[in-house]
Amino acid sequence: MKNEIQSADAAQVKKTGVRKASIERLGFVVGDKVSSEELLKKCDEQLKKCEKWTANLTELKAEKEAEIKAQRIEALKASVVSMTTEEKAEIMNLLTA
């Protein structure tokens, strides 16, 4: 009885590992009894999702890069405002050298 339970547990662990590997590799689980046609359809669906996700991520990245740029510019402006006239002149000399 104990060996049967251990075998069942080992089979479940193996099945879970295969499912996890499938999800990491493809983004979905490939069933044991899936036909080639069904698999092709699922691949097409997954590719469409990935294209949409890629577009969304690209858009989000551009938005966040713009935010970071604006924050850096504001921080630089605040830094310049707080400088003395001599410090500003020194910075200008460095930039034009």
N, C-alpha and C. Protein backbone atom coordinates (compact mmCIF):
# COMPACT_ATOMS: atom_id res chain seq x y z
N MET A 1 0.82 -1.20 0.00
CA MET A 1 0.00 0.00 0.00
C MET A 1 0.87 1.26 0.00
N LYS A 2 1.93 1.25 0.81
CA LYS A 2 2.81 2.41 0.90
C LYS A 2 3.49 2.66 -0.44
N ASN A 3 3.92 1.59 -1.12
CA ASN A 3 4.58 1.75 -2.43
C ASN A 3 3.62 2.29 -3.47
N GLU A 4 2.34 1.89 -3.40
CA GLU A 4 1.35 2.40 -4.34
C GLU A 4 1.15 3.90 -4.16
N ILE A 5 1.12 4.34 -2.92
CA ILE A 5 0.96 5.77 -2.63
C ILE A 5 2.17 6.53 -3.12
N GLN A 6 3.37 5.99 -2.86
CA GLN A 6 4.59 6.64 -3.32
C GLN A 6 4.62 6.72 -4.84
N SER A 7 4.18 5.66 -5.53
CA SER A 7 4.14 5.67 -6.99
C SER A 7 3.16 6.71 -7.50
N ALA A 8 2.01 6.79 -6.85
CA ALA A 8 1.00 7.79 -7.24
C ALA A 8 1.54 9.19 -7.01
N ASP A 9 2.22 9.40 -5.89
CA ASP A 9 2.81 10.71 -5.60
C ASP A 9 3.89 11.05 -6.63
N ALA A 10 4.72 10.09 -6.98
CA ALA A 10 5.78 10.32 -7.96
C ALA A 10 5.18 10.65 -9.32
N ALA A 11 4.12 9.96 -9.69
CA ALA A 11 3.46 10.24 -10.97
C ALA A 11 2.87 11.64 -10.99
N GLN A 12 2.30 12.07 -9.87
CA GLN A 12 1.73 13.42 -9.78
C GLN A 12 2.82 14.47 -9.87
N VAL A 13 3.94 14.22 -9.20
CA VAL A 13 5.07 15.16 -9.26
C VAL A 13 5.58 15.26 -10.69
N LYS A 14 5.70 14.12 -11.36
CA LYS A 14 6.17 14.12 -12.75
C LYS A 14 5.19 14.88 -13.64
N LYS A 15 3.89 14.62 -13.46
CA LYS A 15 2.87 15.30 -14.27
C LYS A 15 2.91 16.80 -14.02
N THR A 16 3.07 17.20 -12.76
CA THR A 16 3.15 18.61 -12.41
C THR A 16 4.37 19.25 -13.05
N GLY A 17 5.50 18.53 -13.06
CA GLY A 17 6.72 19.04 -13.69
C GLY A 17 6.56 19.22 -15.18
N VAL A 18 5.88 18.28 -15.83
CA VAL A 18 5.64 18.37 -17.26
C VAL A 18 4.72 19.55 -17.56
N ARG A 19 3.68 19.72 -16.76
CA ARG A 19 2.75 20.84 -16.95
C ARG A 19 3.48 22.16 -16.78
N LYS A 20 4.31 22.25 -15.74
CA LYS A 20 5.04 23.49 -15.48
C LYS A 20 5.99 23.81 -16.64
N ALA A 21 6.68 22.79 -17.12
CA ALA A 21 7.61 22.99 -18.24
C ALA A 21 6.85 23.44 -19.49
N SER A 22 5.68 22.86 -19.72
CA SER A 22 4.87 23.24 -20.87
C SER A 22 4.42 24.69 -20.76
N ILE A 23 4.00 25.10 -19.60
CA ILE A 23 3.55 26.48 -19.39
C ILE A 23 4.72 27.45 -19.57
N GLU A 24 5.88 27.10 -19.01
CA GLU A 24 7.05 27.98 -19.14
C GLU A 24 7.49 28.09 -20.60
N ARG A 25 7.38 27.00 -21.35
CA ARG A 25 7.86 26.98 -22.73
C ARG A 25 6.86 27.58 -23.70
N LEU A 26 5.57 27.27 -23.51
CA LEU A 26 4.55 27.64 -24.49
C LEU A 26 3.50 28.61 -23.99
N GLY A 27 3.36 28.72 -22.69
CA GLY A 27 2.33 29.58 -22.13
C GLY A 27 1.01 28.86 -21.90
N PHE A 28 0.97 27.58 -22.20
CA PHE A 28 -0.22 26.77 -21.96
C PHE A 28 0.19 25.31 -21.83
N VAL A 29 -0.72 24.51 -21.30
CA VAL A 29 -0.47 23.08 -21.11
C VAL A 29 -0.94 22.33 -22.35
N VAL A 30 -0.08 21.47 -22.84
CA VAL A 30 -0.43 20.62 -23.98
C VAL A 30 -0.94 19.30 -23.41
N GLY A 31 -2.20 19.00 -23.67
CA GLY A 31 -2.79 17.77 -23.17
C GLY A 31 -2.27 16.55 -23.91
N ASP A 32 -2.39 15.41 -23.25
CA ASP A 32 -1.92 14.15 -23.84
C ASP A 32 -2.71 13.76 -25.08
N LYS A 33 -3.96 14.13 -25.14
CA LYS A 33 -4.84 13.66 -26.22
C LYS A 33 -5.22 14.76 -27.20
N VAL A 34 -4.45 15.80 -27.25
CA VAL A 34 -4.77 16.92 -28.14
C VAL A 34 -4.36 16.56 -29.57
N SER A 35 -5.22 16.90 -30.51
CA SER A 35 -4.92 16.62 -31.91
C SER A 35 -4.00 17.70 -32.47
N SER A 36 -3.38 17.40 -33.60
CA SER A 36 -2.50 18.37 -34.25
C SER A 36 -3.27 19.63 -34.63
N GLU A 37 -4.49 19.48 -35.11
CA GLU A 37 -5.30 20.63 -35.50
C GLU A 37 -5.62 21.51 -34.29
N GLU A 38 -5.96 20.86 -33.18
CA GLU A 38 -6.25 21.61 -31.96
C GLU A 38 -5.00 22.35 -31.46
N LEU A 39 -3.87 21.67 -31.58
CA LEU A 39 -2.62 22.27 -31.13
C LEU A 39 -2.25 23.47 -32.00
N LEU A 40 -2.45 23.36 -33.31
CA LEU A 40 -2.19 24.49 -34.20
C LEU A 40 -3.09 25.68 -33.87
N LYS A 41 -4.36 25.39 -33.61
CA LYS A 41 -5.30 26.46 -33.24
C LYS A 41 -4.85 27.13 -31.95
N LYS A 42 -4.45 26.33 -30.97
CA LYS A 42 -4.02 26.87 -29.69
C LYS A 42 -2.75 27.71 -29.86
N CYS A 43 -1.84 27.26 -30.73
CA CYS A 43 -0.62 28.02 -31.01
C CYS A 43 -0.97 29.38 -31.61
N ASP A 44 -1.89 29.39 -32.57
CA ASP A 44 -2.30 30.66 -33.19
C ASP A 44 -2.90 31.60 -32.16
N GLU A 45 -3.76 31.05 -31.29
CA GLU A 45 -4.38 31.87 -30.24
C GLU A 45 -3.31 32.44 -29.30
N GLN A 46 -2.35 31.60 -28.93
CA GLN A 46 -1.30 32.04 -28.02
C GLN A 46 -0.42 33.11 -28.67
N LEU A 47 -0.13 32.95 -29.97
CA LEU A 47 0.67 33.95 -30.68
C LEU A 47 -0.05 35.30 -30.71
N LYS A 48 -1.37 35.28 -30.92
CA LYS A 48 -2.13 36.53 -30.92
C LYS A 48 -2.06 37.20 -29.55
N LYS A 49 -2.19 36.39 -28.49
CA LYS A 49 -2.09 36.94 -27.13
C LYS A 49 -0.72 37.58 -26.92
N CYS A 50 0.32 36.86 -27.34
CA CYS A 50 1.68 37.37 -27.15
C CYS A 50 1.91 38.65 -27.92
N GLU A 51 1.37 38.74 -29.12
CA GLU A 51 1.51 39.97 -29.90
C GLU A 51 0.82 41.13 -29.19
N LYS A 52 -0.36 40.87 -28.65
CA LYS A 52 -1.08 41.91 -27.91
C LYS A 52 -0.31 42.31 -26.65
N TRP A 53 0.19 41.31 -25.92
CA TRP A 53 0.96 41.60 -24.71
C TRP A 53 2.21 42.40 -25.05
N THR A 54 2.89 42.03 -26.14
CA THR A 54 4.10 42.73 -26.55
C THR A 54 3.78 44.19 -26.86
N ALA A 55 2.70 44.42 -27.58
CA ALA A 55 2.31 45.80 -27.90
C ALA A 55 1.98 46.57 -26.61
N ASN A 56 1.25 45.94 -25.70
CA ASN A 56 0.90 46.60 -24.44
C ASN A 56 2.14 46.90 -23.61
N LEU A 57 3.07 45.95 -23.56
CA LEU A 57 4.29 46.16 -22.79
C LEU A 57 5.16 47.25 -23.41
N THR A 58 5.22 47.29 -24.72
CA THR A 58 5.99 48.33 -25.42
C THR A 58 5.40 49.70 -25.12
N GLU A 59 4.08 49.80 -25.15
CA GLU A 59 3.41 51.06 -24.84
C GLU A 59 3.65 51.48 -23.40
N LEU A 60 3.51 50.54 -22.47
CA LEU A 60 3.74 50.84 -21.06
C LEU A 60 5.18 51.27 -20.82
N LYS A 61 6.13 50.59 -21.45
CA LYS A 61 7.54 50.94 -21.30
C LYS A 61 7.79 52.37 -21.78
N ALA A 62 7.23 52.73 -22.94
CA ALA A 62 7.41 54.09 -23.47
C ALA A 62 6.82 55.13 -22.53
N GLU A 63 5.65 54.84 -21.97
CA GLU A 63 5.02 55.78 -21.02
C GLU A 63 5.91 55.98 -19.79
N LYS A 64 6.42 54.90 -19.25
CA LYS A 64 7.24 54.98 -18.03
C LYS A 64 8.58 55.65 -18.31
N GLU A 65 9.15 55.41 -19.51
CA GLU A 65 10.39 56.10 -19.87
C GLU A 65 10.16 57.60 -19.97
N ALA A 66 9.02 58.00 -20.51
CA ALA A 66 8.69 59.43 -20.61
C ALA A 66 8.52 60.03 -19.22
N GLU A 67 7.87 59.28 -18.32
CA GLU A 67 7.70 59.76 -16.94
C GLU A 67 9.05 59.94 -16.26
N ILE A 68 9.93 58.97 -16.43
CA ILE A 68 11.26 59.05 -15.81
C ILE A 68 12.03 60.24 -16.37
N LYS A 69 11.95 60.43 -17.68
CA LYS A 69 12.63 61.57 -18.31
C LYS A 69 12.11 62.89 -17.73
N ALA A 70 10.78 63.01 -17.61
CA ALA A 70 10.18 64.24 -17.06
C ALA A 70 10.62 64.46 -15.61
N GLN A 71 10.68 63.39 -14.83
CA GLN A 71 11.12 63.51 -13.43
C GLN A 71 12.57 63.96 -13.35
N ARG A 72 13.41 63.42 -14.22
CA ARG A 72 14.83 63.81 -14.22
C ARG A 72 14.99 65.27 -14.62
N ILE A 73 14.21 65.70 -15.61
CA ILE A 73 14.29 67.10 -16.04
C ILE A 73 13.85 68.02 -14.90
N GLU A 74 12.77 67.67 -14.22
CA GLU A 74 12.30 68.48 -13.09
C GLU A 74 13.35 68.53 -11.98
N ALA A 75 13.98 67.39 -11.70
CA ALA A 75 15.01 67.36 -10.66
C ALA A 75 16.20 68.22 -11.07
N LEU A 76 16.54 68.17 -12.35
CA LEU A 76 17.66 68.99 -12.84
C LEU A 76 17.31 70.47 -12.76
N LYS A 77 16.08 70.81 -13.13
CA LYS A 77 15.64 72.21 -13.03
C LYS A 77 15.72 72.70 -11.59
N ALA A 78 15.25 71.88 -10.66
CA ALA A 78 15.28 72.27 -9.24
C ALA A 78 16.71 72.44 -8.77
N SER A 79 17.59 71.59 -9.26
CA SER A 79 19.00 71.70 -8.88
C SER A 79 19.61 72.98 -9.42
N VAL A 80 19.30 73.32 -10.65
CA VAL A 80 19.84 74.54 -11.27
C VAL A 80 19.31 75.78 -10.53
N VAL A 81 18.04 75.77 -10.20
CA VAL A 81 17.45 76.91 -9.49
C VAL A 81 18.15 77.14 -8.15
N SER A 82 18.57 76.06 -7.52
CA SER A 82 19.19 76.19 -6.19
C SER A 82 20.67 76.57 -6.26
N MET A 83 21.25 76.61 -7.45
CA MET A 83 22.67 76.93 -7.60
C MET A 83 22.92 78.44 -7.50
N THR A 84 24.12 78.74 -7.06
CA THR A 84 24.54 80.14 -7.07
C THR A 84 24.91 80.52 -8.50
N THR A 85 25.05 81.83 -8.73
CA THR A 85 25.44 82.33 -10.06
C THR A 85 26.80 81.77 -10.46
N GLU A 86 27.71 81.68 -9.52
CA GLU A 86 29.04 81.15 -9.81
C GLU A 86 28.97 79.66 -10.21
N GLU A 87 28.14 78.89 -9.51
CA GLU A 87 27.99 77.47 -9.83
C GLU A 87 27.38 77.29 -11.22
N LYS A 88 26.41 78.14 -11.55
CA LYS A 88 25.79 78.07 -12.87
C LYS A 88 26.82 78.38 -13.94
N ALA A 89 27.64 79.39 -13.72
CA ALA A 89 28.67 79.77 -14.69
C ALA A 89 29.68 78.64 -14.87
N GLU A 90 30.05 78.01 -13.77
CA GLU A 90 30.99 76.90 -13.84
C GLU A 90 30.42 75.73 -14.64
N ILE A 91 29.14 75.44 -14.43
CA ILE A 91 28.48 74.36 -15.19
C ILE A 91 28.44 74.72 -16.66
N MET A 92 28.08 75.96 -16.99
CA MET A 92 28.04 76.39 -18.38
C MET A 92 29.42 76.28 -19.04
N ASN A 93 30.48 76.65 -18.30
CA ASN A 93 31.83 76.53 -18.84
C ASN A 93 32.17 75.05 -19.12
N LEU A 94 31.77 74.18 -18.24
CA LEU A 94 32.02 72.75 -18.43
C LEU A 94 31.28 72.21 -19.66
N LEU A 95 30.04 72.68 -19.85
CA LEU A 95 29.21 72.20 -20.96
C LEU A 95 29.68 72.72 -22.31
N THR A 96 30.27 73.90 -22.33
CA THR A 96 30.69 74.49 -23.60
C THR A 96 32.16 74.22 -23.91
N ALA A 97 32.86 73.59 -23.01
CA ALA A 97 34.30 73.34 -23.22
C ALA A 97 34.52 72.21 -24.19
